Amino acid sequence: MAAGHPLTDEDRWPWLDTIAAWIDERVVAGEPAVVTCSALKKIYRDKLRRQGVVFVYMQGTFDEVMERLSHRQGHFMKPSMLQSQFDILEEPGDDEIHVNVHIGQADPEHEAMAVAGALGL
């Protein structure tokens, strides 16, 4: 991605395996945890799904996400790659335990509070 090329499914599987193993370690240890990743496809989320895992879908329009992305400095994700992310996005369905938070809210602190509230924290 740093070179401006979207990842393929084959690129993502080892990374998702690592995240899944990390989640398993937290579950076994009884430790609450938060992990962030762009599990854009249902098959990716299926790989990470565990008892107690709740996905937080940071929902936004292309323009809203582009606005945020264009202000990042030193990040590997190039704005020119955003369309490829939207092209493969599969929004979480009713069969997936998730919370939707729209990024168009007032500010990141408000978004964090919305997530915490939805998770009962």
Protein backbone atom coordinates (compact mmCIF):
# COMPACT_ATOMS: atom_id res chain seq x y z
CA MET A 1 0.00 0.00 0.00
CA ALA A 2 2.87 2.37 0.72
CA ALA A 3 3.77 2.05 -2.96
CA GLY A 4 0.22 2.99 -3.95
CA HIS A 5 -1.00 -0.52 -4.79
CA PRO A 6 -4.08 -2.01 -3.09
CA LEU A 7 -3.59 -5.23 -1.16
CA THR A 8 -4.97 -8.46 -2.57
CA ASP A 9 -6.83 -11.10 -0.58
CA GLU A 10 -3.62 -13.15 -0.62
CA ASP A 11 -1.76 -10.21 0.91
CA ARG A 12 -4.36 -9.85 3.64
CA TRP A 13 -4.69 -13.48 4.87
CA PRO A 14 -1.42 -13.65 6.88
CA TRP A 15 -2.20 -10.28 8.45
CA LEU A 16 -5.74 -11.39 9.35
CA ASP A 17 -4.34 -14.67 10.78
CA THR A 18 -2.03 -12.63 13.01
CA ILE A 19 -4.88 -10.43 14.21
CA ALA A 20 -7.09 -13.49 14.84
CA ALA A 21 -4.32 -15.10 16.92
CA TRP A 22 -3.90 -11.88 18.90
CA ILE A 23 -7.65 -11.79 19.60
CA ASP A 24 -7.50 -15.44 20.74
CA GLU A 25 -4.69 -14.59 23.16
CA ARG A 26 -6.75 -11.75 24.67
CA VAL A 27 -9.80 -14.01 25.01
CA VAL A 28 -7.81 -16.78 26.74
CA ALA A 29 -6.23 -14.22 29.08
CA GLY A 30 -9.63 -12.65 29.81
CA GLU A 31 -8.31 -9.26 28.71
CA PRO A 32 -10.57 -6.72 27.04
CA ALA A 33 -8.98 -5.31 23.92
CA VAL A 34 -9.48 -3.11 20.89
CA VAL A 35 -7.93 -3.80 17.51
CA THR A 36 -8.38 -1.68 14.43
CA CYS A 37 -8.21 -2.86 10.87
CA SER A 38 -10.07 -2.42 7.62
CA ALA A 39 -11.92 -5.72 7.49
CA LEU A 40 -13.79 -4.52 4.45
CA LYS A 41 -15.22 -7.86 3.32
CA LYS A 42 -17.48 -10.19 5.25
CA ILE A 43 -15.02 -13.04 4.66
CA TYR A 44 -12.33 -10.99 6.45
CA ARG A 45 -14.64 -10.35 9.40
CA ASP A 46 -15.57 -14.05 9.43
CA LYS A 47 -11.87 -14.76 10.01
CA LEU A 48 -11.88 -12.45 13.05
CA ARG A 49 -15.30 -13.31 14.44
CA ARG A 50 -15.21 -14.77 17.98
CA GLN A 51 -17.53 -14.92 20.96
CA GLY A 52 -17.51 -11.42 22.46
CA VAL A 53 -16.08 -9.67 19.37
CA VAL A 54 -18.09 -6.65 18.28
CA PHE A 55 -17.23 -4.93 15.02
CA VAL A 56 -17.44 -1.15 14.93
CA TYR A 57 -18.29 0.03 11.44
CA MET A 58 -17.04 3.55 10.94
CA GLN A 59 -19.52 4.46 8.23
CA GLY A 60 -19.04 7.40 5.92
CA THR A 61 -19.49 8.58 2.38
CA PHE A 62 -16.59 8.58 -0.04
CA ASP A 63 -16.30 12.36 0.33
CA GLU A 64 -16.29 12.22 4.15
CA VAL A 65 -13.58 9.58 4.21
CA MET A 66 -11.55 11.38 1.54
CA GLU A 67 -11.71 14.58 3.60
CA ARG A 68 -10.18 12.78 6.58
CA LEU A 69 -7.68 10.84 4.52
CA SER A 70 -6.42 13.93 2.73
CA HIS A 71 -5.42 15.51 6.07
CA ARG A 72 -3.32 12.57 7.26
CA GLN A 73 0.40 13.12 7.20
CA GLY A 74 2.96 10.35 6.85
CA HIS A 75 0.33 7.63 6.47
CA PHE A 76 0.87 4.67 4.14
CA MET A 77 -2.67 4.82 2.71
CA LYS A 78 -2.65 7.09 -0.32
CA PRO A 79 -5.82 9.08 -1.09
CA SER A 80 -5.69 7.72 -4.65
CA MET A 81 -6.35 4.23 -3.24
CA LEU A 82 -9.61 5.11 -1.49
CA GLN A 83 -11.82 4.12 -4.41
CA SER A 84 -10.36 0.59 -4.35
CA GLN A 85 -11.39 0.35 -0.68
CA PHE A 86 -14.96 1.42 -1.43
CA ASP A 87 -15.07 -0.96 -4.41
CA ILE A 88 -14.54 -4.02 -2.19
CA LEU A 89 -16.46 -2.78 0.87
CA GLU A 90 -19.20 -5.11 2.10
CA GLU A 91 -21.10 -3.33 4.87
CA PRO A 92 -21.78 -5.46 7.96
CA GLY A 93 -25.03 -7.37 7.75
CA ASP A 94 -27.69 -8.28 10.27
CA ASP A 95 -25.91 -11.60 10.92
CA GLU A 96 -22.81 -9.76 12.17
CA ILE A 97 -22.54 -8.33 15.68
CA HIS A 98 -21.61 -4.73 15.00
CA VAL A 99 -22.17 -1.10 15.86
CA ASN A 100 -22.50 1.55 13.17
CA VAL A 101 -20.95 4.93 13.91
CA HIS A 102 -21.21 7.57 11.23
CA ILE A 103 -17.99 9.55 10.85
CA GLY A 104 -19.94 12.68 9.97
CA GLN A 105 -20.62 13.31 13.65
CA ALA A 106 -19.38 16.43 15.41
CA ASP A 107 -15.87 15.26 16.27
CA PRO A 108 -13.76 12.17 17.02
CA GLU A 109 -14.44 12.45 20.75
CA HIS A 110 -18.18 12.34 20.05
CA GLU A 111 -17.64 9.31 17.81
CA ALA A 112 -15.67 7.56 20.56
CA MET A 113 -18.43 8.28 23.05
CA ALA A 114 -21.00 6.89 20.61
CA VAL A 115 -19.00 3.67 20.29
CA ALA A 116 -18.54 3.36 24.06
CA GLY A 117 -22.23 3.97 24.59
CA ALA A 118 -23.26 1.41 21.97
CA LEU A 119 -20.97 -1.16 23.60
CA GLY A 120 -22.35 -0.39 27.04
CA LEU A 121 -19.08 1.01 28.38
